[in-house]
Amino acid sequence: MSKRLTCDVLVVGAGMVGAACALYASRAGLDVTVVDRGPLAGGTTGTGEGNLLVSDKEPGPELELALLSGRLWAELAEEPGLGSAFEYEPKGGLVVASSADGLSALGTFAAGQRIAGVEANTVRSDQLHEVEPHLAPGMAGGVFYPQDAQVMPALAAAHLVRASTARLETGLTVTEVLRGADGAVRGVRTDRGEIHAPAVVNAAGTWGADLAALAGVHLPVLPRRGFVLVTEPLPRLVRHKVYAADYVADVASDSAALQTSPVVEGTAAGPVLIGASRERVGFDRSFSVPVVRALAAGATRLFPFLSDVRAMRAYLGFRPYMPDHLPAIGPDPRVPGLFHACGHEGAGIGLATGTGHLIARVLSDKMPDLDLAPFRPDRFPSPSPSSEEAS
């Protein structure tokens, strides 16, 4: 990188959300640069499963964003060479309930989603094996969501950046957000020189709070650790993303304690991905055998054949958690020129296209497709000095 670079928009973070912001901003005619202290997709994106889900979202702003994002993902997948390059697979998702009470709650949840525009098809107990032949017997029933899809996240991020006209600068650590005398953003300083831009987009994922702090504002993004278990390559024995109904409650939980619920899905490459766990333990990268055992046990309850399948590897990542489970998207009224696109927790891959599209609309002074008020980055009160000392 030259000592000083100038562009219209600087995106900090080369994960899936940053890649989508770069794509849509460059397609809006803006000169975009993307920086990351690590490699492209080197953070949360590289440790994700690539889920594009509506099935786990209740009616409200996040579901509206998921529906917009799903349409945009489908459009990108139709572009020559792009969808196949990042393994876009509109395979659908199946949520199953093991009890009558669980099925009743799932039915109520799905009814609200249908009103909001989600396709949610009830599956009776005797129909489950038509959808998933190897599912464990005795389930009470489920709901099938044809709009759920999957991509290979690292490939998707790489190909969206490639499909843009953005410059990609990796191995650069942002050390300061530069501001003018009027308080407005004028770029950043990195460990390898300055980059000047009138707009800086915070797409730093789990590190979004740190970048916000460099600009002098509070954004309560916290890491939420999760593990994924990966099996040996198999024939396509799991057709869809399949998870237990209690997964939805775990996603919405505010608890910092460990939570696990079975989530199983096949991939185009053959391995089966098994999740999901959630816990807030900071950036502790310690490997937890008990968590991985819990994931394996939950998966075999859903698919008994997995008890005879070898695990190839397990890995962990950190989801960018926000206290109200909504990302920060849009301009920060506290700092002119600062925009946020972070805090999506485990939904960042699926919500990336909608987020990037909305950011590009705002950067181009156009009306966004959705009301950004629920995603306002300044919606959280700043912590008091005493609470900061206590933490």
Protein backbone atom coordinates (compact mmCIF):
# COMPACT_ATOMS: atom_id res chain seq x y z
CA MET A 1 0.00 0.00 0.00
CA SER A 2 1.22 3.51 -0.73
CA LYS A 3 1.81 5.71 2.25
CA ARG A 4 -1.41 7.63 1.63
CA LEU A 5 -4.47 6.35 -0.22
CA THR A 6 -7.67 8.23 -1.00
CA CYS A 7 -11.09 6.77 -1.79
CA ASP A 8 -14.81 7.52 -1.40
CA VAL A 9 -15.55 4.74 1.08
CA LEU A 10 -13.27 2.78 3.39
CA VAL A 11 -14.69 -0.52 4.66
CA VAL A 12 -12.92 -1.87 7.75
CA GLY A 13 -13.33 -5.62 7.83
CA ALA A 14 -12.92 -8.16 5.03
CA GLY A 15 -15.47 -10.67 6.25
CA MET A 16 -18.78 -11.48 4.62
CA VAL A 17 -20.48 -8.23 5.66
CA GLY A 18 -17.53 -6.10 4.59
CA ALA A 19 -17.41 -7.92 1.26
CA ALA A 20 -21.11 -7.24 0.66
CA CYS A 21 -20.69 -3.58 1.58
CA ALA A 22 -17.81 -3.35 -0.90
CA LEU A 23 -19.81 -5.02 -3.66
CA TYR A 24 -22.92 -2.88 -3.41
CA ALA A 25 -21.07 0.38 -2.74
CA SER A 26 -18.82 -0.15 -5.76
CA ARG A 27 -21.83 -1.03 -7.89
CA ALA A 28 -23.34 2.28 -6.78
CA GLY A 29 -20.39 3.99 -8.45
CA LEU A 30 -18.29 4.64 -5.34
CA ASP A 31 -14.53 4.19 -5.10
CA VAL A 32 -14.12 1.62 -2.32
CA THR A 33 -11.19 0.28 -0.34
CA VAL A 34 -11.47 -2.68 2.06
CA VAL A 35 -8.90 -3.16 4.83
CA ASP A 36 -8.39 -5.94 7.34
CA ARG A 37 -5.60 -6.71 9.77
CA GLY A 38 -5.86 -10.39 8.80
CA PRO A 39 -6.68 -12.22 5.57
CA LEU A 40 -9.98 -12.02 3.73
CA ALA A 41 -12.61 -14.03 5.67
CA GLY A 42 -10.06 -14.61 8.42
CA GLY A 43 -12.45 -13.95 11.32
CA THR A 44 -16.02 -15.02 12.01
CA THR A 45 -16.77 -15.60 8.32
CA GLY A 46 -14.10 -18.25 7.98
CA THR A 47 -15.50 -20.21 10.93
CA GLY A 48 -19.17 -20.00 9.94
CA GLU A 49 -21.47 -22.59 8.39
CA GLY A 50 -22.75 -20.31 5.64
CA ASN A 51 -26.40 -20.29 6.66
CA LEU A 52 -28.89 -18.00 4.93
CA LEU A 53 -31.87 -18.42 7.24
CA VAL A 54 -35.35 -17.07 7.75
CA SER A 55 -36.52 -20.08 9.79
CA ASP A 56 -34.99 -18.93 13.09
CA LYS A 57 -36.22 -15.33 13.01
CA GLU A 58 -39.40 -13.99 14.56
CA PRO A 59 -41.42 -11.26 12.81
CA GLY A 60 -39.69 -7.92 13.09
CA PRO A 61 -36.71 -5.96 11.73
CA GLU A 62 -34.27 -8.87 11.57
CA LEU A 63 -36.70 -11.04 9.63
CA GLU A 64 -37.38 -8.20 7.20
CA LEU A 65 -33.63 -7.88 6.68
CA ALA A 66 -33.34 -11.66 6.21
CA LEU A 67 -36.07 -11.68 3.55
CA LEU A 68 -34.40 -8.80 1.69
CA SER A 69 -31.03 -10.53 1.98
CA GLY A 70 -32.44 -13.82 0.74
CA ARG A 71 -33.75 -12.17 -2.40
CA LEU A 72 -30.39 -10.50 -3.00
CA TRP A 73 -28.49 -13.76 -2.47
CA ALA A 74 -30.74 -15.44 -5.02
CA GLU A 75 -30.09 -12.62 -7.50
CA LEU A 76 -26.32 -12.91 -7.03
CA ALA A 77 -26.55 -16.66 -7.49
CA GLU A 78 -28.10 -16.07 -10.93
CA GLU A 79 -25.14 -13.99 -12.11
CA PRO A 80 -22.95 -16.00 -14.50
CA GLY A 81 -20.29 -17.91 -12.62
CA LEU A 82 -21.02 -16.33 -9.24
CA GLY A 83 -23.55 -18.63 -7.55
CA SER A 84 -21.69 -21.81 -8.49
CA ALA A 85 -18.43 -20.22 -7.37
CA PHE A 86 -19.60 -19.77 -3.80
CA GLU A 87 -21.72 -22.97 -3.68
CA TYR A 88 -25.12 -21.32 -3.29
CA GLU A 89 -27.60 -24.06 -2.39
CA PRO A 90 -31.29 -23.22 -1.83
CA LYS A 91 -31.87 -26.50 -0.02
CA GLY A 92 -34.40 -25.39 2.58
CA GLY A 93 -34.50 -25.97 6.31
CA LEU A 94 -36.44 -28.37 8.52
CA VAL A 95 -37.21 -27.53 12.14
CA VAL A 96 -38.38 -30.53 14.16
CA ALA A 97 -40.15 -30.88 17.51
CA SER A 98 -39.80 -33.94 19.72
CA SER A 99 -42.97 -33.36 21.76
CA ALA A 100 -46.55 -32.22 21.24
CA ASP A 101 -45.94 -29.10 23.32
CA GLY A 102 -42.85 -28.27 21.29
CA LEU A 103 -44.75 -28.77 18.06
CA SER A 104 -47.54 -26.47 19.25
CA ALA A 105 -45.04 -23.72 20.09
CA LEU A 106 -43.31 -24.22 16.74
CA GLY A 107 -46.66 -23.97 14.94
CA THR A 108 -47.47 -20.68 16.68
CA PHE A 109 -44.03 -19.32 15.78
CA ALA A 110 -44.43 -20.34 12.14
CA ALA A 111 -47.91 -18.80 11.92
CA GLY A 112 -46.47 -15.40 12.82
CA GLN A 113 -43.69 -15.84 10.28
CA ARG A 114 -46.18 -16.61 7.50
CA ILE A 115 -47.95 -13.31 8.13
CA ALA A 116 -44.56 -11.60 7.72
CA GLY A 117 -43.95 -13.24 4.34
CA VAL A 118 -42.12 -16.45 5.19
CA GLU A 119 -42.92 -19.74 3.50
CA ALA A 120 -43.41 -22.20 6.35
CA ASN A 121 -44.92 -25.59 5.53
CA THR A 122 -46.20 -27.83 8.31
CA VAL A 123 -44.82 -31.37 8.22
CA ARG A 124 -46.75 -34.07 10.08
CA SER A 125 -44.95 -36.74 12.04
CA ASP A 126 -45.73 -39.36 9.40
CA GLN A 127 -44.36 -37.07 6.66
CA LEU A 128 -40.98 -36.28 8.24
CA HIS A 129 -39.18 -39.22 6.62
CA GLU A 130 -40.31 -38.08 3.19
CA VAL A 131 -38.35 -34.88 3.82
CA GLU A 132 -35.43 -36.45 5.73
CA PRO A 133 -35.32 -40.25 5.34
CA HIS A 134 -32.61 -40.77 7.99
CA LEU A 135 -34.20 -38.64 10.72
CA ALA A 136 -34.72 -40.35 14.07
CA PRO A 137 -38.18 -41.92 14.55
CA GLY A 138 -40.68 -40.63 17.09
CA MET A 139 -40.56 -36.90 16.31
CA ALA A 140 -43.85 -35.07 16.83
CA GLY A 141 -43.61 -33.13 13.57
CA GLY A 142 -41.95 -30.07 12.13
CA VAL A 143 -42.00 -27.10 9.79
CA PHE A 144 -40.18 -26.93 6.46
CA TYR A 145 -38.77 -23.58 5.28
CA PRO A 146 -37.99 -23.61 1.53
CA GLN A 147 -36.39 -20.15 1.68
CA ASP A 148 -33.48 -21.32 3.84
CA ALA A 149 -30.25 -21.69 1.87
CA GLN A 150 -26.51 -22.10 2.28
CA VAL A 151 -23.26 -20.81 0.80
CA MET A 152 -19.61 -21.62 1.42
CA PRO A 153 -18.82 -18.46 3.41
CA ALA A 154 -15.12 -17.95 2.74
CA LEU A 155 -15.66 -18.50 -0.98
CA ALA A 156 -18.64 -16.16 -0.97
CA ALA A 157 -16.70 -13.35 0.68
CA ALA A 158 -13.81 -13.78 -1.75
CA HIS A 159 -16.02 -13.82 -4.82
CA LEU A 160 -18.09 -10.81 -3.75
CA VAL A 161 -14.93 -8.77 -3.30
CA ARG A 162 -13.70 -10.03 -6.66
CA ALA A 163 -17.03 -9.10 -8.29
CA SER A 164 -16.68 -5.56 -6.94
CA THR A 165 -14.23 -2.91 -8.06
CA ALA A 166 -12.93 -2.43 -4.52
CA ARG A 167 -9.27 -2.44 -3.56
CA LEU A 168 -8.46 -5.07 -0.93
CA GLU A 169 -5.66 -4.27 1.54
CA THR A 170 -5.00 -7.06 4.04
CA GLY A 171 -2.48 -7.11 6.87
CA LEU A 172 -3.31 -3.52 7.86
CA THR A 173 -4.29 -2.69 11.42
CA VAL A 174 -6.38 0.43 11.92
CA THR A 175 -4.88 2.37 14.82
CA GLU A 176 -6.89 5.60 14.65
CA VAL A 177 -10.03 7.01 13.06
CA LEU A 178 -9.06 10.40 11.66
CA ARG A 179 -11.50 13.25 12.25
CA GLY A 180 -11.53 16.86 11.15
CA ALA A 181 -12.01 19.98 13.25
CA ASP A 182 -15.77 19.63 12.76
CA GLY A 183 -15.69 16.08 14.18
CA ALA A 184 -16.42 14.42 10.85
CA VAL A 185 -14.52 11.35 9.70
CA ARG A 186 -11.76 11.95 7.17
CA GLY A 187 -10.22 8.47 7.10
CA VAL A 188 -8.07 6.19 9.23
CA ARG A 189 -4.47 5.74 10.23
CA THR A 190 -3.07 2.24 9.94
CA ASP A 191 0.24 0.69 10.90
CA ARG A 192 1.30 1.17 7.27
CA GLY A 193 0.06 4.65 6.51
CA GLU A 194 -3.09 6.73 6.25
CA ILE A 195 -6.18 6.11 4.12
CA HIS A 196 -8.33 9.16 3.52
CA ALA A 197 -12.06 8.81 2.93
CA PRO A 198 -15.12 10.87 3.87
CA ALA A 199 -16.97 7.66 4.80
CA VAL A 200 -15.72 4.80 6.99
CA VAL A 201 -17.82 1.65 7.35
CA ASN A 202 -17.31 -0.38 10.52
CA ALA A 203 -17.67 -3.98 9.32
CA ALA A 204 -15.20 -5.29 11.89
CA GLY A 205 -17.47 -8.02 13.28
CA THR A 206 -16.57 -9.07 16.80
CA TRP A 207 -14.06 -6.21 16.90
CA GLY A 208 -16.70 -3.63 15.97
CA ALA A 209 -16.70 -2.19 19.49
CA ASP A 210 -12.97 -1.52 19.26
CA LEU A 211 -13.25 0.33 15.97
CA ALA A 212 -16.19 2.34 17.28
CA ALA A 213 -14.10 3.28 20.31
CA LEU A 214 -11.34 4.56 18.03
CA ALA A 215 -13.96 6.96 16.66
CA GLY A 216 -14.98 7.94 20.19
CA VAL A 217 -18.36 6.18 20.35
CA HIS A 218 -19.82 3.27 22.29
CA LEU A 219 -21.09 0.17 20.47
CA PRO A 220 -21.68 -2.88 22.72
CA VAL A 221 -20.48 -5.70 20.44
CA LEU A 222 -19.32 -8.76 22.40
CA PRO A 223 -17.88 -12.09 21.20
CA ARG A 224 -20.11 -15.16 21.62
CA ARG A 225 -18.15 -18.38 21.16
CA GLY A 226 -19.44 -21.33 19.18
CA PHE A 227 -18.08 -24.70 18.06
CA VAL A 228 -18.70 -26.65 14.86
CA LEU A 229 -18.06 -30.37 14.44
CA VAL A 230 -17.21 -31.62 10.93
CA THR A 231 -17.64 -35.24 9.83
CA GLU A 232 -15.82 -37.20 7.17
CA PRO A 233 -17.23 -36.77 3.64
CA LEU A 234 -20.47 -38.69 3.15
CA PRO A 235 -23.10 -39.31 0.49
CA ARG A 236 -25.95 -36.82 0.79
CA LEU A 237 -27.73 -38.41 3.75
CA VAL A 238 -28.84 -35.09 5.27
CA ARG A 239 -30.78 -33.22 2.61
CA HIS A 240 -31.52 -29.94 4.38
CA LYS A 241 -30.47 -27.87 7.35
CA VAL A 242 -32.18 -29.68 10.23
CA TYR A 243 -32.42 -28.43 13.77
CA ALA A 244 -34.42 -28.88 16.94
CA ALA A 245 -37.05 -26.30 17.78
CA ASP A 246 -35.22 -25.16 20.93
CA TYR A 247 -32.41 -23.75 18.74
CA VAL A 248 -34.56 -20.65 18.14
CA ALA A 249 -34.75 -19.97 21.87
CA ASP A 250 -30.99 -20.38 22.22
CA VAL A 251 -30.36 -17.83 19.45
CA ALA A 252 -32.60 -15.29 21.19
CA SER A 253 -31.22 -15.93 24.67
CA ASP A 254 -29.35 -13.22 26.60
CA SER A 255 -27.56 -15.77 28.78
CA ALA A 256 -23.77 -15.79 28.86
CA ALA A 257 -23.77 -19.45 29.94
CA LEU A 258 -23.18 -22.38 27.62
CA GLN A 259 -26.15 -23.44 25.52
CA THR A 260 -26.24 -26.26 23.00
CA SER A 261 -29.00 -27.41 20.66
CA PRO A 262 -28.64 -29.85 17.75
CA VAL A 263 -28.18 -28.40 14.29
CA VAL A 264 -27.18 -30.72 11.43
CA GLU A 265 -26.67 -30.06 7.74
CA GLY A 266 -25.00 -31.66 4.78
CA THR A 267 -22.72 -29.76 2.42
CA ALA A 268 -22.00 -29.85 -1.29
CA ALA A 269 -18.49 -31.10 -0.53
CA GLY A 270 -19.75 -34.09 1.49
CA PRO A 271 -18.95 -33.44 5.19
CA VAL A 272 -21.84 -32.93 7.61
CA LEU A 273 -21.63 -29.80 9.77
CA ILE A 274 -22.85 -30.14 13.36
CA GLY A 275 -23.64 -27.32 15.79
CA ALA A 276 -24.67 -25.32 17.65
CA SER A 277 -23.19 -23.96 20.85
CA ARG A 278 -23.25 -20.48 22.33
CA GLU A 279 -21.42 -18.96 25.28
CA ARG A 280 -19.92 -15.60 26.17
CA VAL A 281 -16.39 -16.21 27.40
CA GLY A 282 -14.62 -13.28 25.77
CA PHE A 283 -12.06 -14.28 23.15
CA ASP A 284 -11.10 -17.48 24.95
CA ARG A 285 -10.00 -19.89 22.22
CA SER A 286 -9.66 -22.90 24.51
CA PHE A 287 -10.93 -26.12 22.98
CA SER A 288 -13.79 -27.66 24.97
CA VAL A 289 -14.21 -31.43 24.74
CA PRO A 290 -17.49 -31.35 26.76
CA VAL A 291 -19.04 -28.90 24.28
CA VAL A 292 -18.03 -30.99 21.27
CA ARG A 293 -19.37 -34.11 22.98
CA ALA A 294 -22.67 -32.33 23.57
CA LEU A 295 -22.84 -31.39 19.89
CA ALA A 296 -22.18 -34.97 18.83
CA ALA A 297 -24.80 -36.32 21.23
CA GLY A 298 -27.42 -33.86 20.00
CA ALA A 299 -26.68 -34.68 16.37
CA THR A 300 -27.03 -38.42 16.91
CA ARG A 301 -30.39 -37.87 18.59
CA LEU A 302 -31.59 -36.26 15.36
CA PHE A 303 -29.75 -38.62 13.00
CA PRO A 304 -28.83 -41.96 14.64
CA PHE A 305 -26.63 -43.02 11.68
CA LEU A 306 -24.12 -40.35 12.71
CA SER A 307 -23.07 -42.48 15.70
CA ASP A 308 -21.10 -44.64 13.23
CA VAL A 309 -19.55 -41.68 11.38
CA ARG A 310 -16.08 -40.35 12.13
CA ALA A 311 -15.50 -36.73 13.07
CA MET A 312 -12.83 -35.21 10.86
CA ARG A 313 -12.25 -32.01 12.82
CA ALA A 314 -13.83 -29.40 15.07
CA TYR A 315 -13.30 -25.66 15.14
CA LEU A 316 -14.52 -22.62 17.01
CA GLY A 317 -15.38 -19.04 16.14
CA PHE A 318 -16.83 -15.92 17.70
CA ARG A 319 -20.17 -14.40 16.76
CA PRO A 320 -20.53 -10.60 17.19
CA TYR A 321 -23.28 -10.48 19.84
CA MET A 322 -25.42 -7.40 20.54
CA PRO A 323 -27.62 -7.07 23.64
CA ASP A 324 -30.88 -6.76 21.67
CA HIS A 325 -29.85 -9.28 18.99
CA LEU A 326 -30.05 -6.70 16.21
CA PRO A 327 -27.03 -5.50 14.24
CA ALA A 328 -25.94 -1.89 13.98
CA ILE A 329 -26.56 -0.75 10.41
CA GLY A 330 -26.35 2.77 9.04
CA PRO A 331 -24.85 6.17 9.81
CA ASP A 332 -23.74 7.03 13.31
CA PRO A 333 -25.29 10.42 14.17
CA ARG A 334 -22.58 10.95 16.79
CA VAL A 335 -19.77 11.00 14.21
CA PRO A 336 -20.54 12.30 10.72
CA GLY A 337 -19.08 10.00 8.09
CA LEU A 338 -18.99 6.92 10.33
CA PHE A 339 -21.24 4.02 9.31
CA HIS A 340 -21.75 0.71 11.05
CA ALA A 341 -22.42 -2.73 9.59
CA CYS A 342 -21.68 -5.13 12.43
CA GLY A 343 -23.18 -7.04 15.35
CA HIS A 344 -25.10 -9.66 13.35
CA GLU A 345 -24.16 -12.46 15.76
CA GLY A 346 -24.54 -15.82 13.97
CA ALA A 347 -26.65 -14.43 11.14
CA GLY A 348 -24.01 -12.31 9.45
CA ILE A 349 -23.56 -14.52 6.39
CA GLY A 350 -27.27 -14.56 5.67
CA LEU A 351 -27.84 -10.86 6.44
CA ALA A 352 -24.72 -9.61 4.66
CA THR A 353 -26.26 -8.87 1.28
CA GLY A 354 -29.14 -6.86 2.73
CA THR A 355 -26.76 -5.01 5.02
CA GLY A 356 -24.39 -4.16 2.18
CA HIS A 357 -27.26 -3.04 -0.03
CA LEU A 358 -28.69 -0.78 2.70
CA ILE A 359 -25.28 0.74 3.45
CA ALA A 360 -24.74 1.45 -0.24
CA ARG A 361 -28.14 3.15 -0.51
CA VAL A 362 -27.34 5.44 2.42
CA LEU A 363 -23.84 6.18 1.12
CA SER A 364 -25.41 7.17 -2.22
CA ASP A 365 -27.96 9.45 -0.52
CA LYS A 366 -30.81 7.17 -1.61
CA MET A 367 -33.77 5.97 0.42
CA PRO A 368 -33.00 2.57 2.00
CA ASP A 369 -35.37 -0.32 1.33
CA LEU A 370 -35.99 -0.87 5.05
CA ASP A 371 -36.48 1.43 8.02
CA LEU A 372 -33.05 1.68 9.64
CA ALA A 373 -34.36 3.04 12.95
CA PRO A 374 -34.30 -0.37 14.72
CA PHE A 375 -30.65 -0.78 13.71
CA ARG A 376 -29.48 2.67 14.85
CA PRO A 377 -25.95 2.38 16.26
CA ASP A 378 -26.63 5.00 18.93
CA ARG A 379 -29.63 3.15 20.43
CA PHE A 380 -27.58 1.91 23.39
CA PRO A 381 -26.79 4.21 26.32
CA SER A 382 -23.13 4.86 26.94
CA PRO A 383 -21.83 3.07 30.04
CA SER A 384 -21.27 5.17 33.13
CA PRO A 385 -17.70 5.60 34.38
CA SER A 386 -18.49 3.40 37.41
CA SER A 387 -19.73 0.52 35.24
CA GLU A 388 -16.66 0.79 33.02
CA GLU A 389 -14.42 0.58 36.09
CA ALA A 390 -16.40 -2.44 37.34
CA SER A 391 -15.97 -4.24 34.03
